Amino acid sequence: MMTNKSFSYPKIGLLLLCFLSFSVILATIFYNYDKSLVIHFNQLRNPFWDLFFLNITNSAGFIAYGTSIILLLLSFLIKERAVKYKFYKIALAGVFSGLAVTLLKNGIQRVRPFQLYPAIHSLGPGGGWSYPSGHTSDAFFLAAIIWLVYPNRRLLIVAVYLWATLVGISRVYLGVHYPSDVLAAVAVGSVSSLAAFVVLDWFIKRSSTGQFG
């Protein structure tokens, strides 16, 4: 049975660093492959998959931030501290992810693929800058924080990660993101959740020992 104590934070961090490194390499050295993959997946479109992936992509922010807001509101009605803290961690992960994506998008200012290549037909929402994918980061912050907060809910973890993966695929299929944008978002969303989990754990422990006065 998996518990939070079994997590190896250095290994998780190394894995996420690999995702981010692959993203940077794909976006620079192997940019032609990055571009070609968007064009390839975008040209596979048909009415069924268009509708399927459009619904998947539209669910990202609604599910991720909707869950965070609802749980944050519920935390004010629940007296059990352990449950409240879990809800706080989920909400804080959403805040960290949103801030990180906003800062990176505006700092890097990468143009979206459909804005550069006429062969790519945009089928879904995609305004602003491209790197990293905000929708994908939303989905993966939720998946990661659920894994961290509820490590024994294996079916839930698998279901949320499957959904998050489909969100990432949808962004490329719809022509609004490069694969490198999605890989970076996996790392950003996951790191945001890991940071929220560790920071709030630290704060709770310090508070319980009276180290904040």
C-alpha atoms as a PDB file:
ATOM      1  CA  MET A   1       0.000   0.000   0.000  1.00  0.00           C
ATOM      2  CA  MET A   2       1.386   3.382  -0.989  1.00  0.00           C
ATOM      3  CA  THR A   3       1.585   6.239   1.500  1.00  0.00           C
ATOM      4  CA  ASN A   4       3.015   9.736   1.366  1.00  0.00           C
ATOM      5  CA  LYS A   5       6.067   8.459   3.248  1.00  0.00           C
ATOM      6  CA  SER A   6       6.912   6.246   0.279  1.00  0.00           C
ATOM      7  CA  PHE A   7       7.259   9.211  -2.085  1.00  0.00           C
ATOM      8  CA  SER A   8      10.782   9.932  -3.203  1.00  0.00           C
ATOM      9  CA  TYR A   9      10.746  13.667  -3.805  1.00  0.00           C
ATOM     10  CA  PRO A  10      14.217  13.702  -5.439  1.00  0.00           C
ATOM     11  CA  LYS A  11      13.112  11.030  -7.927  1.00  0.00           C
ATOM     12  CA  ILE A  12       9.858  12.852  -8.658  1.00  0.00           C
ATOM     13  CA  GLY A  13      11.787  16.096  -9.114  1.00  0.00           C
ATOM     14  CA  LEU A  14      14.256  14.402 -11.458  1.00  0.00           C
ATOM     15  CA  LEU A  15      11.442  12.973 -13.552  1.00  0.00           C
ATOM     16  CA  LEU A  16       9.772  16.372 -13.848  1.00  0.00           C
ATOM     17  CA  LEU A  17      13.103  17.961 -14.729  1.00  0.00           C
ATOM     18  CA  CYS A  18      13.404  15.414 -17.547  1.00  0.00           C
ATOM     19  CA  PHE A  19       9.986  16.432 -18.869  1.00  0.00           C
ATOM     20  CA  LEU A  20      11.007  20.075 -18.808  1.00  0.00           C
ATOM     21  CA  SER A  21      14.379  19.328 -20.430  1.00  0.00           C
ATOM     22  CA  PHE A  22      12.752  17.279 -23.212  1.00  0.00           C
ATOM     23  CA  SER A  23      10.340  20.140 -23.753  1.00  0.00           C
ATOM     24  CA  VAL A  24      13.138  22.694 -24.168  1.00  0.00           C
ATOM     25  CA  ILE A  25      15.134  20.397 -26.471  1.00  0.00           C
ATOM     26  CA  LEU A  26      12.064  19.671 -28.601  1.00  0.00           C
ATOM     27  CA  ALA A  27      11.168  23.369 -28.815  1.00  0.00           C
ATOM     28  CA  THR A  28      14.689  24.363 -29.916  1.00  0.00           C
ATOM     29  CA  ILE A  29      17.062  21.739 -31.324  1.00  0.00           C
ATOM     30  CA  PHE A  30      14.272  19.520 -32.675  1.00  0.00           C
ATOM     31  CA  TYR A  31      11.796  22.253 -33.488  1.00  0.00           C
ATOM     32  CA  ASN A  32      11.056  20.753 -36.930  1.00  0.00           C
ATOM     33  CA  TYR A  33       9.730  17.625 -35.215  1.00  0.00           C
ATOM     34  CA  ASP A  34       7.748  19.756 -32.785  1.00  0.00           C
ATOM     35  CA  LYS A  35       6.098  21.563 -35.688  1.00  0.00           C
ATOM     36  CA  SER A  36       5.593  18.405 -37.769  1.00  0.00           C
ATOM     37  CA  LEU A  37       3.811  16.608 -34.939  1.00  0.00           C
ATOM     38  CA  VAL A  38       1.255  19.408 -34.608  1.00  0.00           C
ATOM     39  CA  ILE A  39       0.585  19.402 -38.330  1.00  0.00           C
ATOM     40  CA  HIS A  40       0.328  15.594 -38.415  1.00  0.00           C
ATOM     41  CA  PHE A  41      -2.132  15.270 -35.539  1.00  0.00           C
ATOM     42  CA  ASN A  42      -4.149  18.272 -36.682  1.00  0.00           C
ATOM     43  CA  GLN A  43      -4.608  16.729 -40.135  1.00  0.00           C
ATOM     44  CA  LEU A  44      -6.002  13.515 -38.622  1.00  0.00           C
ATOM     45  CA  ARG A  45      -9.132  15.358 -37.607  1.00  0.00           C
ATOM     46  CA  ASN A  46     -12.631  14.035 -38.251  1.00  0.00           C
ATOM     47  CA  PRO A  47     -16.031  15.060 -36.805  1.00  0.00           C
ATOM     48  CA  PHE A  48     -16.021  12.443 -34.020  1.00  0.00           C
ATOM     49  CA  TRP A  49     -12.531  13.231 -32.696  1.00  0.00           C
ATOM     50  CA  ASP A  50     -13.082  16.957 -33.186  1.00  0.00           C
ATOM     51  CA  LEU A  51     -16.048  16.850 -30.811  1.00  0.00           C
ATOM     52  CA  PHE A  52     -14.358  14.414 -28.417  1.00  0.00           C
ATOM     53  CA  PHE A  53     -11.151  16.407 -28.003  1.00  0.00           C
ATOM     54  CA  LEU A  54     -12.955  19.739 -27.932  1.00  0.00           C
ATOM     55  CA  ASN A  55     -15.046  18.527 -24.996  1.00  0.00           C
ATOM     56  CA  ILE A  56     -11.955  17.110 -23.289  1.00  0.00           C
ATOM     57  CA  THR A  57     -10.027  20.368 -23.682  1.00  0.00           C
ATOM     58  CA  ASN A  58     -12.964  22.449 -22.444  1.00  0.00           C
ATOM     59  CA  SER A  59     -13.248  20.281 -19.343  1.00  0.00           C
ATOM     60  CA  ALA A  60      -9.715  21.110 -18.125  1.00  0.00           C
ATOM     61  CA  GLY A  61     -10.201  24.444 -16.412  1.00  0.00           C
ATOM     62  CA  PHE A  62     -13.778  23.673 -15.400  1.00  0.00           C
ATOM     63  CA  ILE A  63     -12.867  20.443 -13.600  1.00  0.00           C
ATOM     64  CA  ALA A  64      -9.496  21.554 -12.196  1.00  0.00           C
ATOM     65  CA  TYR A  65     -10.478  24.954 -10.817  1.00  0.00           C
ATOM     66  CA  GLY A  66     -14.073  23.967 -10.157  1.00  0.00           C
ATOM     67  CA  THR A  67     -12.827  21.148  -7.923  1.00  0.00           C
ATOM     68  CA  SER A  68     -10.378  23.485  -6.172  1.00  0.00           C
ATOM     69  CA  ILE A  69     -12.999  26.165  -5.476  1.00  0.00           C
ATOM     70  CA  ILE A  70     -15.659  23.715  -4.296  1.00  0.00           C
ATOM     71  CA  LEU A  71     -13.248  21.959  -1.930  1.00  0.00           C
ATOM     72  CA  LEU A  72     -11.958  25.285  -0.612  1.00  0.00           C
ATOM     73  CA  LEU A  73     -15.527  26.357   0.172  1.00  0.00           C
ATOM     74  CA  LEU A  74     -16.271  22.988   1.786  1.00  0.00           C
ATOM     75  CA  SER A  75     -13.186  23.344   3.963  1.00  0.00           C
ATOM     76  CA  PHE A  76     -14.944  26.149   5.867  1.00  0.00           C
ATOM     77  CA  LEU A  77     -17.774  23.772   6.757  1.00  0.00           C
ATOM     78  CA  ILE A  78     -15.617  20.827   7.843  1.00  0.00           C
ATOM     79  CA  LYS A  79     -14.238  20.595  11.363  1.00  0.00           C
ATOM     80  CA  GLU A  80     -11.799  17.701  10.873  1.00  0.00           C
ATOM     81  CA  ARG A  81      -8.398  19.302  10.372  1.00  0.00           C
ATOM     82  CA  ALA A  82      -6.863  16.476   8.334  1.00  0.00           C
ATOM     83  CA  VAL A  83      -9.618  16.798   5.732  1.00  0.00           C
ATOM     84  CA  LYS A  84      -9.448  20.606   5.736  1.00  0.00           C
ATOM     85  CA  TYR A  85      -5.685  20.518   5.122  1.00  0.00           C
ATOM     86  CA  LYS A  86      -6.119  18.167   2.173  1.00  0.00           C
ATOM     87  CA  PHE A  87      -8.627  20.555   0.624  1.00  0.00           C
ATOM     88  CA  TYR A  88      -6.288  23.494   1.263  1.00  0.00           C
ATOM     89  CA  LYS A  89      -3.476  21.684  -0.558  1.00  0.00           C
ATOM     90  CA  ILE A  90      -5.650  21.101  -3.614  1.00  0.00           C
ATOM     91  CA  ALA A  91      -6.715  24.753  -3.736  1.00  0.00           C
ATOM     92  CA  LEU A  92      -3.152  26.014  -3.204  1.00  0.00           C
ATOM     93  CA  ALA A  93      -1.896  23.773  -6.011  1.00  0.00           C
ATOM     94  CA  GLY A  94      -4.343  25.501  -8.344  1.00  0.00           C
ATOM     95  CA  VAL A  95      -3.080  28.926  -7.287  1.00  0.00           C
ATOM     96  CA  PHE A  96       0.561  27.937  -7.787  1.00  0.00           C
ATOM     97  CA  SER A  97      -0.155  26.389 -11.196  1.00  0.00           C
ATOM     98  CA  GLY A  98      -2.106  29.400 -12.452  1.00  0.00           C
ATOM     99  CA  LEU A  99       0.599  31.828 -11.352  1.00  0.00           C
ATOM    100  CA  ALA A 100       3.426  29.732 -12.818  1.00  0.00           C
ATOM    101  CA  VAL A 101       1.726  29.367 -16.200  1.00  0.00           C
ATOM    102  CA  THR A 102       0.910  33.076 -16.384  1.00  0.00           C
ATOM    103  CA  LEU A 103       4.487  34.094 -15.572  1.00  0.00           C
ATOM    104  CA  LEU A 104       6.026  31.642 -18.038  1.00  0.00           C
ATOM    105  CA  LYS A 105       3.643  32.498 -20.879  1.00  0.00           C
ATOM    106  CA  ASN A 106       4.279  36.213 -20.570  1.00  0.00           C
ATOM    107  CA  GLY A 107       7.990  35.771 -19.996  1.00  0.00           C
ATOM    108  CA  ILE A 108       8.624  33.431 -22.961  1.00  0.00           C
ATOM    109  CA  GLN A 109       5.918  34.742 -25.329  1.00  0.00           C
ATOM    110  CA  ARG A 110       5.908  31.853 -27.767  1.00  0.00           C
ATOM    111  CA  VAL A 111       3.540  32.225 -30.718  1.00  0.00           C
ATOM    112  CA  ARG A 112       0.991  29.451 -31.166  1.00  0.00           C
ATOM    113  CA  PRO A 113       1.520  27.002 -34.061  1.00  0.00           C
ATOM    114  CA  PHE A 114      -1.722  27.785 -35.903  1.00  0.00           C
ATOM    115  CA  GLN A 115      -0.689  31.449 -36.008  1.00  0.00           C
ATOM    116  CA  LEU A 116       2.517  30.576 -37.880  1.00  0.00           C
ATOM    117  CA  TYR A 117       1.509  27.766 -40.227  1.00  0.00           C
ATOM    118  CA  PRO A 118      -1.521  27.899 -42.550  1.00  0.00           C
ATOM    119  CA  ALA A 119      -1.551  24.076 -42.698  1.00  0.00           C
ATOM    120  CA  ILE A 120      -2.677  23.994 -39.068  1.00  0.00           C
ATOM    121  CA  HIS A 121      -6.364  24.597 -38.539  1.00  0.00           C
ATOM    122  CA  SER A 122      -7.239  25.706 -35.016  1.00  0.00           C
ATOM    123  CA  LEU A 123     -10.269  23.785 -33.746  1.00  0.00           C
ATOM    124  CA  GLY A 124     -10.392  24.898 -30.160  1.00  0.00           C
ATOM    125  CA  PRO A 125      -9.731  27.638 -27.595  1.00  0.00           C
ATOM    126  CA  GLY A 126      -6.237  29.034 -27.815  1.00  0.00           C
ATOM    127  CA  GLY A 127      -5.682  32.695 -27.043  1.00  0.00           C
ATOM    128  CA  GLY A 128      -2.543  34.372 -25.777  1.00  0.00           C
ATOM    129  CA  TRP A 129       0.909  32.829 -25.713  1.00  0.00           C
ATOM    130  CA  SER A 130       1.661  29.173 -26.269  1.00  0.00           C
ATOM    131  CA  TYR A 131       4.350  27.968 -23.830  1.00  0.00           C
ATOM    132  CA  PRO A 132       3.415  26.180 -21.611  1.00  0.00           C
ATOM    133  CA  SER A 133      -0.089  24.820 -22.189  1.00  0.00           C
ATOM    134  CA  GLY A 134      -2.405  26.253 -19.556  1.00  0.00           C
ATOM    135  CA  HIS A 135      -5.095  23.614 -20.065  1.00  0.00           C
ATOM    136  CA  THR A 136      -2.573  20.806 -19.660  1.00  0.00           C
ATOM    137  CA  SER A 137      -1.067  22.383 -16.565  1.00  0.00           C
ATOM    138  CA  ASP A 138      -4.562  22.697 -15.076  1.00  0.00           C
ATOM    139  CA  ALA A 139      -5.232  19.002 -15.644  1.00  0.00           C
ATOM    140  CA  PHE A 140      -1.874  17.802 -14.353  1.00  0.00           C
ATOM    141  CA  PHE A 141      -1.839  19.951 -11.231  1.00  0.00           C
ATOM    142  CA  LEU A 142      -5.137  18.304 -10.275  1.00  0.00           C
ATOM    143  CA  ALA A 143      -3.865  14.816 -11.101  1.00  0.00           C
ATOM    144  CA  ALA A 144      -0.638  15.333  -9.188  1.00  0.00           C
ATOM    145  CA  ILE A 145      -2.195  16.826  -6.066  1.00  0.00           C
ATOM    146  CA  ILE A 146      -4.799  14.057  -5.914  1.00  0.00           C
ATOM    147  CA  TRP A 147      -1.987  11.501  -6.118  1.00  0.00           C
ATOM    148  CA  LEU A 148      -0.137  13.287  -3.310  1.00  0.00           C
ATOM    149  CA  VAL A 149      -3.151  13.866  -1.072  1.00  0.00           C
ATOM    150  CA  TYR A 150      -4.960  10.563  -1.705  1.00  0.00           C
ATOM    151  CA  PRO A 151      -2.150   8.081  -2.511  1.00  0.00           C
ATOM    152  CA  ASN A 152      -4.302   5.018  -1.795  1.00  0.00           C
ATOM    153  CA  ARG A 153      -7.143   5.961  -4.162  1.00  0.00           C
ATOM    154  CA  ARG A 154      -5.573   4.162  -7.070  1.00  0.00           C
ATOM    155  CA  LEU A 155      -8.598   4.045  -9.367  1.00  0.00           C
ATOM    156  CA  LEU A 156      -9.164   7.762  -8.860  1.00  0.00           C
ATOM    157  CA  ILE A 157      -5.491   8.498  -9.546  1.00  0.00           C
ATOM    158  CA  VAL A 158      -5.486   6.432 -12.747  1.00  0.00           C
ATOM    159  CA  ALA A 159      -8.734   8.046 -13.936  1.00  0.00           C
ATOM    160  CA  VAL A 160      -7.515  11.605 -13.314  1.00  0.00           C
ATOM    161  CA  TYR A 161      -4.145  10.973 -14.957  1.00  0.00           C
ATOM    162  CA  LEU A 162      -5.852   9.406 -17.972  1.00  0.00           C
ATOM    163  CA  TRP A 163      -8.068  12.472 -18.276  1.00  0.00           C
ATOM    164  CA  ALA A 164      -5.060  14.795 -17.880  1.00  0.00           C
ATOM    165  CA  THR A 165      -3.175  12.915 -20.608  1.00  0.00           C
ATOM    166  CA  LEU A 166      -6.154  13.265 -22.955  1.00  0.00           C
ATOM    167  CA  VAL A 167      -6.243  16.996 -22.223  1.00  0.00           C
ATOM    168  CA  GLY A 168      -2.589  17.251 -23.274  1.00  0.00           C
ATOM    169  CA  ILE A 169      -3.235  15.289 -26.469  1.00  0.00           C
ATOM    170  CA  SER A 170      -6.269  17.429 -27.240  1.00  0.00           C
ATOM    171  CA  ARG A 171      -4.190  20.618 -27.215  1.00  0.00           C
ATOM    172  CA  VAL A 172      -1.942  19.275 -29.976  1.00  0.00           C
ATOM    173  CA  TYR A 173      -4.806  17.700 -31.948  1.00  0.00           C
ATOM    174  CA  LEU A 174      -6.726  20.981 -31.904  1.00  0.00           C
ATOM    175  CA  GLY A 175      -3.709  22.788 -33.347  1.00  0.00           C
ATOM    176  CA  VAL A 176      -3.284  25.271 -30.509  1.00  0.00           C
ATOM    177  CA  HIS A 177      -0.110  23.886 -28.899  1.00  0.00           C
ATOM    178  CA  TYR A 178       3.164  22.217 -29.760  1.00  0.00           C
ATOM    179  CA  PRO A 179       4.031  18.910 -28.025  1.00  0.00           C
ATOM    180  CA  SER A 180       6.814  20.793 -26.234  1.00  0.00           C
ATOM    181  CA  ASP A 181       4.186  23.148 -24.735  1.00  0.00           C
ATOM    182  CA  VAL A 182       2.374  20.121 -23.357  1.00  0.00           C
ATOM    183  CA  LEU A 183       5.512  18.472 -21.930  1.00  0.00           C
ATOM    184  CA  ALA A 184       6.429  21.710 -20.176  1.00  0.00           C
ATOM    185  CA  ALA A 185       2.909  21.974 -18.767  1.00  0.00           C
ATOM    186  CA  VAL A 186       3.110  18.454 -17.324  1.00  0.00           C
ATOM    187  CA  ALA A 187       6.181  19.569 -15.391  1.00  0.00           C
ATOM    188  CA  VAL A 188       4.760  22.962 -14.384  1.00  0.00           C
ATOM    189  CA  GLY A 189       1.442  21.576 -13.146  1.00  0.00           C
ATOM    190  CA  SER A 190       3.092  18.714 -11.271  1.00  0.00           C
ATOM    191  CA  VAL A 191       5.772  20.911  -9.673  1.00  0.00           C
ATOM    192  CA  SER A 192       3.068  23.358  -8.590  1.00  0.00           C
ATOM    193  CA  SER A 193       1.234  20.567  -6.795  1.00  0.00           C
ATOM    194  CA  LEU A 194       4.397  19.218  -5.224  1.00  0.00           C
ATOM    195  CA  ALA A 195       5.302  22.720  -4.028  1.00  0.00           C
ATOM    196  CA  ALA A 196       1.815  23.291  -2.577  1.00  0.00           C
ATOM    197  CA  PHE A 197       1.937  19.945  -0.798  1.00  0.00           C
ATOM    198  CA  VAL A 198       5.377  20.519   0.728  1.00  0.00           C
ATOM    199  CA  VAL A 199       4.829  24.185   1.622  1.00  0.00           C
ATOM    200  CA  LEU A 200       1.504  23.593   3.342  1.00  0.00           C
ATOM    201  CA  ASP A 201       2.876  20.539   5.174  1.00  0.00           C
ATOM    202  CA  TRP A 202       5.752  22.692   6.430  1.00  0.00           C
ATOM    203  CA  PHE A 203       3.396  25.473   7.486  1.00  0.00           C
ATOM    204  CA  ILE A 204       1.090  23.051   9.321  1.00  0.00           C
ATOM    205  CA  LYS A 205       3.968  21.465  11.218  1.00  0.00           C
ATOM    206  CA  ARG A 206       5.388  24.840  12.207  1.00  0.00           C
ATOM    207  CA  SER A 207       1.954  26.040  13.338  1.00  0.00           C
ATOM    208  CA  SER A 208       1.298  22.908  15.387  1.00  0.00           C
ATOM    209  CA  THR A 209       4.570  23.344  17.281  1.00  0.00           C
ATOM    210  CA  GLY A 210       3.896  27.024  17.949  1.00  0.00           C
ATOM    211  CA  GLN A 211       6.871  28.212  15.939  1.00  0.00           C
ATOM    212  CA  PHE A 212       4.875  31.104  14.469  1.00  0.00           C
ATOM    213  CA  GLY A 213       4.284  32.546  17.905  1.00  0.00           C
END
